[in-house]
Amino acid sequence: MGLDNRKRIDWPIGRVEKIYPSRDGFTRVARVTTKTGSL
């Protein structure tokens, strides 16, 4: 994930906390935690 109005060097760093696989076995949703909260 990124922000179009910022340079990549300024993007927040996040950690994938949990993945949610879909019925077909592919991961399409994930919980990402940054220093300011979760996405």
C-alpha atoms as a PDB file:
ATOM      1  CA  MET A   1       0.000   0.000   0.000  1.00  0.00           C
ATOM      2  CA  GLY A   2       1.181   3.455  -0.709  1.00  0.00           C
ATOM      3  CA  LEU A   3       0.138   7.041  -0.850  1.00  0.00           C
ATOM      4  CA  ASP A   4       0.156   8.782  -4.220  1.00  0.00           C
ATOM      5  CA  ASN A   5       0.847  12.185  -2.699  1.00  0.00           C
ATOM      6  CA  ARG A   6       4.039  11.073  -0.878  1.00  0.00           C
ATOM      7  CA  LYS A   7       7.413   9.779  -1.960  1.00  0.00           C
ATOM      8  CA  ARG A   8       8.059   6.099  -1.204  1.00  0.00           C
ATOM      9  CA  ILE A   9      10.698   7.019   1.352  1.00  0.00           C
ATOM     10  CA  ASP A  10       7.934   8.719   3.383  1.00  0.00           C
ATOM     11  CA  TRP A  11       5.414   5.856   3.277  1.00  0.00           C
ATOM     12  CA  PRO A  12       4.595   4.353   6.679  1.00  0.00           C
ATOM     13  CA  ILE A  13       6.111   0.945   7.397  1.00  0.00           C
ATOM     14  CA  GLY A  14       3.673  -1.747   8.457  1.00  0.00           C
ATOM     15  CA  ARG A  15       3.657  -5.341   9.639  1.00  0.00           C
ATOM     16  CA  VAL A  16       1.218  -7.966   8.394  1.00  0.00           C
ATOM     17  CA  GLU A  17      -0.446  -9.263  11.561  1.00  0.00           C
ATOM     18  CA  LYS A  18      -3.043 -11.604  10.073  1.00  0.00           C
ATOM     19  CA  ILE A  19      -4.074 -12.833   6.644  1.00  0.00           C
ATOM     20  CA  TYR A  20      -7.576 -13.817   5.611  1.00  0.00           C
ATOM     21  CA  PRO A  21      -7.558 -16.404   2.799  1.00  0.00           C
ATOM     22  CA  SER A  22     -10.551 -16.496   0.465  1.00  0.00           C
ATOM     23  CA  ARG A  23     -12.561 -19.568  -0.471  1.00  0.00           C
ATOM     24  CA  ASP A  24     -10.278 -20.251  -3.432  1.00  0.00           C
ATOM     25  CA  GLY A  25      -7.210 -20.319  -1.160  1.00  0.00           C
ATOM     26  CA  PHE A  26      -5.704 -16.994  -2.227  1.00  0.00           C
ATOM     27  CA  THR A  27      -5.062 -14.231   0.282  1.00  0.00           C
ATOM     28  CA  ARG A  28      -6.942 -11.087  -0.664  1.00  0.00           C
ATOM     29  CA  VAL A  29      -7.299  -9.357   2.723  1.00  0.00           C
ATOM     30  CA  ALA A  30      -4.751  -8.744   5.465  1.00  0.00           C
ATOM     31  CA  ARG A  31      -4.577  -6.853   8.753  1.00  0.00           C
ATOM     32  CA  VAL A  32      -1.593  -4.493   8.684  1.00  0.00           C
ATOM     33  CA  THR A  33      -0.343  -2.674  11.775  1.00  0.00           C
ATOM     34  CA  THR A  34       1.675   0.551  11.640  1.00  0.00           C
ATOM     35  CA  LYS A  35       2.968   2.698  14.464  1.00  0.00           C
ATOM     36  CA  THR A  36      -0.225   4.778  14.303  1.00  0.00           C
ATOM     37  CA  GLY A  37      -2.767   1.950  14.151  1.00  0.00           C
ATOM     38  CA  SER A  38      -4.208  -0.893  12.080  1.00  0.00           C
ATOM     39  CA  LEU A  39      -5.456  -0.974   8.503  1.00  0.00           C
END
